[in-house]
Amino acid sequence: MTDTGPEQPAQRIRTLLAEDQGMMRGALALLLGLEDDIEIVGQVANGDEILPTALEVRPDVALLDIELPGRSGLDAAADLRAGLPECKVLILTTFGRPGYLRRAMEAGAAGFLVKDGPVEDLAAAIRQVLAGKQVIDPVLAAAALSTGPNPLTQREREVLAAAVDGATVADIAAKVHLSPATVRNYLSAAIGKTQTRNRMEAVRTARQNGWL
C-alpha cells in the first residue's frame, strides 16, 4: 500500500467581521473561530474600514452589521460588490426590517439574517453563501413581500435622513445642497408617500420599514 502522507486540512473560509459593539464582535469571532472550517481574518467596528480591510485581507465572506458608524453595512455591501466582487456578503442585524432586506439584495448581499439565531445557523449560512446559495431569514422574507417596495426616491430618502434630528429646513437644505423650497417639496412628497402627518412621523415610519 502506497503511503500518501498526512491528510491535508480543508481550506478554511476566510471571514471578515464588521460589528460596532465590541462584546458582540468578540463573541462572534470566538464562536465562529471554533468552527473547523471558518477563520476570522479581520474585524472592524466602523463601516468606513470595511472595504480597505477587505482589500487587505481578501476574505471569502464578509459578515456585516447594518448599523455602523461611518458607512452602513448596506453601503459597504455595495462597495464590496464593486471593489471585491468575489467576496460574498452576509448581512447580520438586530433590526429585521423589510426595507433593509430589499436594500441588502439590491446592494448585492447573498444573505440576510437577524442576530437572535444560534451561531450554528450563522456558520451554516456562511458555508451556504460561499457555495453560491442565497440565505434569507424566512420571516423577514415574508414581511418584505407583504410590505412592498420602498416608495421613496433616493432624494426623498436623503432629505428625510437629514431631518432625523429635528433639523430645520434651512439646515437640511445646507446639508443636501438643495434650496429650501426644493427641500419642502421633497419632505411633502415623503410625508404623502408614508401616509403620515409630518416629517418626524415620516422619518419614524421610514425607519421602521427600513427605507432609510
C-alpha atoms as a PDB file:
ATOM      1  CA  MET A   1       0.000   0.000   0.000  1.00  0.00           C
ATOM      2  CA  THR A   2       1.413   3.382  -1.007  1.00  0.00           C
ATOM      3  CA  ASP A   3       1.911   5.927   1.784  1.00  0.00           C
ATOM      4  CA  THR A   4       0.279   9.172   0.651  1.00  0.00           C
ATOM      5  CA  GLY A   5       1.439  11.120   3.688  1.00  0.00           C
ATOM      6  CA  PRO A   6      -0.676  13.057   6.185  1.00  0.00           C
ATOM      7  CA  GLU A   7      -4.070  14.247   5.019  1.00  0.00           C
ATOM      8  CA  GLN A   8      -4.109  17.956   4.128  1.00  0.00           C
ATOM      9  CA  PRO A   9      -6.641  20.059   6.086  1.00  0.00           C
ATOM     10  CA  ALA A  10      -9.516  21.536   4.127  1.00  0.00           C
ATOM     11  CA  GLN A  11      -9.169  25.192   3.199  1.00  0.00           C
ATOM     12  CA  ARG A  12     -10.847  27.409   5.772  1.00  0.00           C
ATOM     13  CA  ILE A  13     -13.402  30.073   4.901  1.00  0.00           C
ATOM     14  CA  ARG A  14     -11.709  33.439   5.339  1.00  0.00           C
ATOM     15  CA  THR A  15     -14.260  35.667   7.074  1.00  0.00           C
ATOM     16  CA  LEU A  16     -14.319  39.408   7.775  1.00  0.00           C
ATOM     17  CA  LEU A  17     -16.488  40.566  10.677  1.00  0.00           C
ATOM     18  CA  ALA A  18     -17.909  44.124  10.880  1.00  0.00           C
ATOM     19  CA  GLU A  19     -19.728  44.882  14.150  1.00  0.00           C
ATOM     20  CA  ASP A  20     -19.503  48.077  16.200  1.00  0.00           C
ATOM     21  CA  GLN A  21     -20.354  46.532  19.583  1.00  0.00           C
ATOM     22  CA  GLY A  22     -17.099  45.182  20.947  1.00  0.00           C
ATOM     23  CA  MET A  23     -18.631  42.477  23.124  1.00  0.00           C
ATOM     24  CA  MET A  24     -20.820  41.159  20.314  1.00  0.00           C
ATOM     25  CA  ARG A  25     -17.930  41.270  17.846  1.00  0.00           C
ATOM     26  CA  GLY A  26     -15.633  39.405  20.214  1.00  0.00           C
ATOM     27  CA  ALA A  27     -18.239  36.756  20.969  1.00  0.00           C
ATOM     28  CA  LEU A  28     -18.985  36.153  17.279  1.00  0.00           C
ATOM     29  CA  ALA A  29     -15.293  35.971  16.434  1.00  0.00           C
ATOM     30  CA  LEU A  30     -14.682  33.483  19.234  1.00  0.00           C
ATOM     31  CA  LEU A  31     -17.653  31.242  18.445  1.00  0.00           C
ATOM     32  CA  LEU A  32     -17.163  31.239  14.681  1.00  0.00           C
ATOM     33  CA  GLY A  33     -13.447  30.644  15.168  1.00  0.00           C
ATOM     34  CA  LEU A  34     -14.284  27.385  16.921  1.00  0.00           C
ATOM     35  CA  GLU A  35     -15.672  26.022  13.648  1.00  0.00           C
ATOM     36  CA  ASP A  36     -13.126  23.803  11.900  1.00  0.00           C
ATOM     37  CA  ASP A  37     -13.660  25.411   8.501  1.00  0.00           C
ATOM     38  CA  ILE A  38     -14.031  29.126   9.404  1.00  0.00           C
ATOM     39  CA  GLU A  39     -11.201  31.576  10.057  1.00  0.00           C
ATOM     40  CA  ILE A  40     -11.785  35.183  11.160  1.00  0.00           C
ATOM     41  CA  VAL A  41      -9.186  37.146   9.191  1.00  0.00           C
ATOM     42  CA  GLY A  42     -10.334  40.667  10.048  1.00  0.00           C
ATOM     43  CA  GLN A  43     -12.520  42.584  12.477  1.00  0.00           C
ATOM     44  CA  VAL A  44     -13.718  46.187  12.101  1.00  0.00           C
ATOM     45  CA  ALA A  45     -16.013  48.442  14.129  1.00  0.00           C
ATOM     46  CA  ASN A  46     -16.527  51.216  11.565  1.00  0.00           C
ATOM     47  CA  GLY A  47     -18.202  50.959   8.166  1.00  0.00           C
ATOM     48  CA  ASP A  48     -15.542  53.119   6.547  1.00  0.00           C
ATOM     49  CA  GLU A  49     -12.954  50.433   7.363  1.00  0.00           C
ATOM     50  CA  ILE A  50     -14.751  47.548   5.658  1.00  0.00           C
ATOM     51  CA  LEU A  51     -13.576  47.911   2.059  1.00  0.00           C
ATOM     52  CA  PRO A  52      -9.930  48.872   2.865  1.00  0.00           C
ATOM     53  CA  THR A  53      -9.663  45.957   5.309  1.00  0.00           C
ATOM     54  CA  ALA A  54     -11.275  43.560   2.846  1.00  0.00           C
ATOM     55  CA  LEU A  55      -8.859  44.587   0.114  1.00  0.00           C
ATOM     56  CA  GLU A  56      -6.012  43.874   2.530  1.00  0.00           C
ATOM     57  CA  VAL A  57      -7.112  40.504   3.971  1.00  0.00           C
ATOM     58  CA  ARG A  58      -9.116  39.231   0.933  1.00  0.00           C
ATOM     59  CA  PRO A  59     -11.972  37.451   2.756  1.00  0.00           C
ATOM     60  CA  ASP A  60     -14.188  34.844   1.143  1.00  0.00           C
ATOM     61  CA  VAL A  61     -17.180  36.088   3.144  1.00  0.00           C
ATOM     62  CA  ALA A  62     -17.875  39.441   4.818  1.00  0.00           C
ATOM     63  CA  LEU A  63     -20.280  39.371   7.743  1.00  0.00           C
ATOM     64  CA  LEU A  64     -21.681  42.903   8.104  1.00  0.00           C
ATOM     65  CA  ASP A  65     -23.898  44.609  10.640  1.00  0.00           C
ATOM     66  CA  ILE A  66     -26.150  47.336   9.191  1.00  0.00           C
ATOM     67  CA  GLU A  67     -25.988  49.973  11.928  1.00  0.00           C
ATOM     68  CA  LEU A  68     -22.331  51.004  11.915  1.00  0.00           C
ATOM     69  CA  PRO A  69     -20.510  54.304  12.452  1.00  0.00           C
ATOM     70  CA  GLY A  70     -19.441  55.777   9.120  1.00  0.00           C
ATOM     71  CA  ARG A  71     -20.815  53.855   6.158  1.00  0.00           C
ATOM     72  CA  SER A  72     -23.657  51.477   6.895  1.00  0.00           C
ATOM     73  CA  GLY A  73     -23.355  47.770   6.244  1.00  0.00           C
ATOM     74  CA  LEU A  74     -25.684  48.211   3.260  1.00  0.00           C
ATOM     75  CA  ASP A  75     -23.444  50.885   1.725  1.00  0.00           C
ATOM     76  CA  ALA A  76     -20.391  48.731   2.439  1.00  0.00           C
ATOM     77  CA  ALA A  77     -22.054  45.767   0.726  1.00  0.00           C
ATOM     78  CA  ALA A  78     -22.317  47.840  -2.451  1.00  0.00           C
ATOM     79  CA  ASP A  79     -18.675  48.913  -2.010  1.00  0.00           C
ATOM     80  CA  LEU A  80     -17.586  45.276  -1.792  1.00  0.00           C
ATOM     81  CA  ARG A  81     -19.604  44.290  -4.850  1.00  0.00           C
ATOM     82  CA  ALA A  82     -17.728  46.942  -6.832  1.00  0.00           C
ATOM     83  CA  GLY A  83     -14.284  46.631  -5.249  1.00  0.00           C
ATOM     84  CA  LEU A  84     -14.060  42.932  -4.327  1.00  0.00           C
ATOM     85  CA  PRO A  85     -16.825  41.101  -6.227  1.00  0.00           C
ATOM     86  CA  GLU A  86     -15.540  37.621  -5.344  1.00  0.00           C
ATOM     87  CA  CYS A  87     -16.305  38.290  -1.649  1.00  0.00           C
ATOM     88  CA  LYS A  88     -19.752  37.072  -0.574  1.00  0.00           C
ATOM     89  CA  VAL A  89     -21.667  39.424   1.749  1.00  0.00           C
ATOM     90  CA  LEU A  90     -23.878  38.224   4.580  1.00  0.00           C
ATOM     91  CA  ILE A  91     -25.857  40.904   6.431  1.00  0.00           C
ATOM     92  CA  LEU A  92     -26.440  40.240  10.121  1.00  0.00           C
ATOM     93  CA  THR A  93     -28.594  42.728  12.009  1.00  0.00           C
ATOM     94  CA  THR A  94     -30.671  43.307  15.115  1.00  0.00           C
ATOM     95  CA  PHE A  95     -33.273  45.148  13.053  1.00  0.00           C
ATOM     96  CA  GLY A  96     -35.405  42.778  10.994  1.00  0.00           C
ATOM     97  CA  ARG A  97     -36.927  45.473   8.789  1.00  0.00           C
ATOM     98  CA  PRO A  98     -38.382  44.536   5.394  1.00  0.00           C
ATOM     99  CA  GLY A  99     -36.877  47.551   3.638  1.00  0.00           C
ATOM    100  CA  TYR A 100     -33.418  46.596   4.854  1.00  0.00           C
ATOM    101  CA  LEU A 101     -33.760  43.212   3.188  1.00  0.00           C
ATOM    102  CA  ARG A 102     -34.692  44.740  -0.150  1.00  0.00           C
ATOM    103  CA  ARG A 103     -31.825  47.224   0.047  1.00  0.00           C
ATOM    104  CA  ALA A 104     -29.385  44.463   1.012  1.00  0.00           C
ATOM    105  CA  MET A 105     -30.361  42.397  -2.015  1.00  0.00           C
ATOM    106  CA  GLU A 106     -30.071  45.473  -4.263  1.00  0.00           C
ATOM    107  CA  ALA A 107     -26.577  46.047  -2.846  1.00  0.00           C
ATOM    108  CA  GLY A 108     -25.556  42.530  -3.827  1.00  0.00           C
ATOM    109  CA  ALA A 109     -25.741  40.759  -0.466  1.00  0.00           C
ATOM    110  CA  ALA A 110     -26.010  36.976  -0.659  1.00  0.00           C
ATOM    111  CA  GLY A 111     -27.683  36.587   2.714  1.00  0.00           C
ATOM    112  CA  PHE A 112     -29.626  38.417   5.411  1.00  0.00           C
ATOM    113  CA  LEU A 113     -30.097  37.113   8.959  1.00  0.00           C
ATOM    114  CA  VAL A 114     -31.195  38.606  12.267  1.00  0.00           C
ATOM    115  CA  LYS A 115     -28.941  38.264  15.290  1.00  0.00           C
ATOM    116  CA  ASP A 116     -31.227  36.226  17.510  1.00  0.00           C
ATOM    117  CA  GLY A 117     -30.420  32.913  15.834  1.00  0.00           C
ATOM    118  CA  PRO A 118     -27.896  30.308  17.082  1.00  0.00           C
ATOM    119  CA  VAL A 119     -24.294  30.593  15.948  1.00  0.00           C
ATOM    120  CA  GLU A 120     -24.565  27.165  14.291  1.00  0.00           C
ATOM    121  CA  ASP A 121     -27.113  28.636  11.859  1.00  0.00           C
ATOM    122  CA  LEU A 122     -24.789  31.552  11.164  1.00  0.00           C
ATOM    123  CA  ALA A 123     -21.882  29.207  10.450  1.00  0.00           C
ATOM    124  CA  ALA A 124     -24.108  27.195   8.117  1.00  0.00           C
ATOM    125  CA  ALA A 125     -25.155  30.407   6.355  1.00  0.00           C
ATOM    126  CA  ILE A 126     -21.508  31.355   5.797  1.00  0.00           C
ATOM    127  CA  ARG A 127     -20.902  27.990   4.131  1.00  0.00           C
ATOM    128  CA  GLN A 128     -24.040  28.326   2.015  1.00  0.00           C
ATOM    129  CA  VAL A 129     -23.298  31.794   0.638  1.00  0.00           C
ATOM    130  CA  LEU A 130     -19.754  30.721  -0.181  1.00  0.00           C
ATOM    131  CA  ALA A 131     -21.270  27.823  -2.154  1.00  0.00           C
ATOM    132  CA  GLY A 132     -23.292  30.328  -4.187  1.00  0.00           C
ATOM    133  CA  LYS A 133     -26.595  29.965  -2.366  1.00  0.00           C
ATOM    134  CA  GLN A 134     -28.814  32.767  -1.064  1.00  0.00           C
ATOM    135  CA  VAL A 135     -29.703  32.696   2.629  1.00  0.00           C
ATOM    136  CA  ILE A 136     -32.588  34.874   3.870  1.00  0.00           C
ATOM    137  CA  ASP A 137     -34.448  34.825   7.159  1.00  0.00           C
ATOM    138  CA  PRO A 138     -37.832  33.318   6.134  1.00  0.00           C
ATOM    139  CA  VAL A 139     -39.958  35.502   8.439  1.00  0.00           C
ATOM    140  CA  LEU A 140     -38.285  38.642   7.141  1.00  0.00           C
ATOM    141  CA  ALA A 141     -38.669  37.492   3.533  1.00  0.00           C
ATOM    142  CA  ALA A 142     -42.420  37.092   4.032  1.00  0.00           C
ATOM    143  CA  ALA A 143     -42.648  40.524   5.660  1.00  0.00           C
ATOM    144  CA  ALA A 144     -40.740  42.128   2.786  1.00  0.00           C
ATOM    145  CA  LEU A 145     -43.152  40.653   0.256  1.00  0.00           C
ATOM    146  CA  SER A 146     -46.187  41.925   2.189  1.00  0.00           C
ATOM    147  CA  THR A 147     -44.744  45.398   2.768  1.00  0.00           C
ATOM    148  CA  GLY A 148     -43.921  46.097  -0.852  1.00  0.00           C
ATOM    149  CA  PRO A 149     -41.066  48.119  -2.330  1.00  0.00           C
ATOM    150  CA  ASN A 150     -39.637  51.329  -0.913  1.00  0.00           C
ATOM    151  CA  PRO A 151     -41.907  54.161  -2.146  1.00  0.00           C
ATOM    152  CA  LEU A 152     -39.300  56.868  -1.544  1.00  0.00           C
ATOM    153  CA  THR A 153     -36.911  58.155  -4.178  1.00  0.00           C
ATOM    154  CA  GLN A 154     -33.214  58.498  -3.459  1.00  0.00           C
ATOM    155  CA  ARG A 155     -33.574  62.276  -2.984  1.00  0.00           C
ATOM    156  CA  GLU A 156     -36.551  61.852  -0.656  1.00  0.00           C
ATOM    157  CA  ARG A 157     -34.540  59.397   1.438  1.00  0.00           C
ATOM    158  CA  GLU A 158     -31.605  61.822   1.602  1.00  0.00           C
ATOM    159  CA  VAL A 159     -33.841  64.680   2.739  1.00  0.00           C
ATOM    160  CA  LEU A 160     -35.612  62.537   5.352  1.00  0.00           C
ATOM    161  CA  ALA A 161     -32.292  61.190   6.624  1.00  0.00           C
ATOM    162  CA  ALA A 162     -31.087  64.782   7.072  1.00  0.00           C
ATOM    163  CA  ALA A 163     -34.219  65.530   9.111  1.00  0.00           C
ATOM    164  CA  VAL A 164     -33.788  62.750  11.676  1.00  0.00           C
ATOM    165  CA  ASP A 165     -32.562  65.038  14.486  1.00  0.00           C
ATOM    166  CA  GLY A 166     -35.294  67.646  14.045  1.00  0.00           C
ATOM    167  CA  ALA A 167     -33.160  69.819  11.766  1.00  0.00           C
ATOM    168  CA  THR A 168     -34.736  72.935  10.268  1.00  0.00           C
ATOM    169  CA  VAL A 169     -35.479  73.196   6.564  1.00  0.00           C
ATOM    170  CA  ALA A 170     -32.515  75.555   6.218  1.00  0.00           C
ATOM    171  CA  ASP A 171     -30.233  73.035   7.957  1.00  0.00           C
ATOM    172  CA  ILE A 172     -31.453  70.225   5.702  1.00  0.00           C
ATOM    173  CA  ALA A 173     -31.033  72.376   2.587  1.00  0.00           C
ATOM    174  CA  ALA A 174     -27.439  73.156   3.504  1.00  0.00           C
ATOM    175  CA  LYS A 175     -26.654  69.508   4.233  1.00  0.00           C
ATOM    176  CA  VAL A 176     -28.073  68.086   0.998  1.00  0.00           C
ATOM    177  CA  HIS A 177     -27.153  71.086  -1.201  1.00  0.00           C
ATOM    178  CA  LEU A 178     -30.684  71.953  -2.268  1.00  0.00           C
ATOM    179  CA  SER A 179     -32.817  75.081  -1.976  1.00  0.00           C
ATOM    180  CA  PRO A 180     -35.221  75.337   0.986  1.00  0.00           C
ATOM    181  CA  ALA A 181     -38.174  75.292  -1.425  1.00  0.00           C
ATOM    182  CA  THR A 182     -36.961  72.056  -3.020  1.00  0.00           C
ATOM    183  CA  VAL A 183     -36.424  70.510   0.421  1.00  0.00           C
ATOM    184  CA  ARG A 184     -40.013  71.379   1.371  1.00  0.00           C
ATOM    185  CA  ASN A 185     -41.252  69.712  -1.815  1.00  0.00           C
ATOM    186  CA  TYR A 186     -39.316  66.516  -1.077  1.00  0.00           C
ATOM    187  CA  LEU A 187     -40.494  66.481   2.537  1.00  0.00           C
ATOM    188  CA  SER A 188     -44.093  66.959   1.430  1.00  0.00           C
ATOM    189  CA  ALA A 189     -43.769  64.099  -1.060  1.00  0.00           C
ATOM    190  CA  ALA A 190     -42.220  61.813   1.569  1.00  0.00           C
ATOM    191  CA  ILE A 191     -44.960  62.624   4.077  1.00  0.00           C
ATOM    192  CA  GLY A 192     -47.584  61.773   1.474  1.00  0.00           C
ATOM    193  CA  LYS A 193     -45.934  58.512   0.444  1.00  0.00           C
ATOM    194  CA  THR A 194     -45.513  57.338   4.043  1.00  0.00           C
ATOM    195  CA  GLN A 195     -49.113  58.391   4.844  1.00  0.00           C
ATOM    196  CA  THR A 196     -48.014  60.379   7.889  1.00  0.00           C
ATOM    197  CA  ARG A 197     -48.884  63.826   9.259  1.00  0.00           C
ATOM    198  CA  ASN A 198     -45.474  65.471   9.492  1.00  0.00           C
ATOM    199  CA  ARG A 199     -41.825  64.913   8.691  1.00  0.00           C
ATOM    200  CA  MET A 200     -40.929  63.387  12.074  1.00  0.00           C
ATOM    201  CA  GLU A 201     -43.660  60.785  11.658  1.00  0.00           C
ATOM    202  CA  ALA A 202     -42.406  60.215   8.116  1.00  0.00           C
ATOM    203  CA  VAL A 203     -38.876  59.654   9.436  1.00  0.00           C
ATOM    204  CA  ARG A 204     -40.161  57.219  12.073  1.00  0.00           C
ATOM    205  CA  THR A 205     -42.268  55.246   9.585  1.00  0.00           C
ATOM    206  CA  ALA A 206     -39.432  55.136   7.043  1.00  0.00           C
ATOM    207  CA  ARG A 207     -37.024  53.876   9.694  1.00  0.00           C
ATOM    208  CA  GLN A 208     -39.432  51.210  10.953  1.00  0.00           C
ATOM    209  CA  ASN A 209     -39.775  49.862   7.429  1.00  0.00           C
ATOM    210  CA  GLY A 210     -36.041  50.022   6.708  1.00  0.00           C
ATOM    211  CA  TRP A 211     -36.474  52.622   3.957  1.00  0.00           C
ATOM    212  CA  LEU A 212     -33.759  54.903   5.378  1.00  0.00           C
END
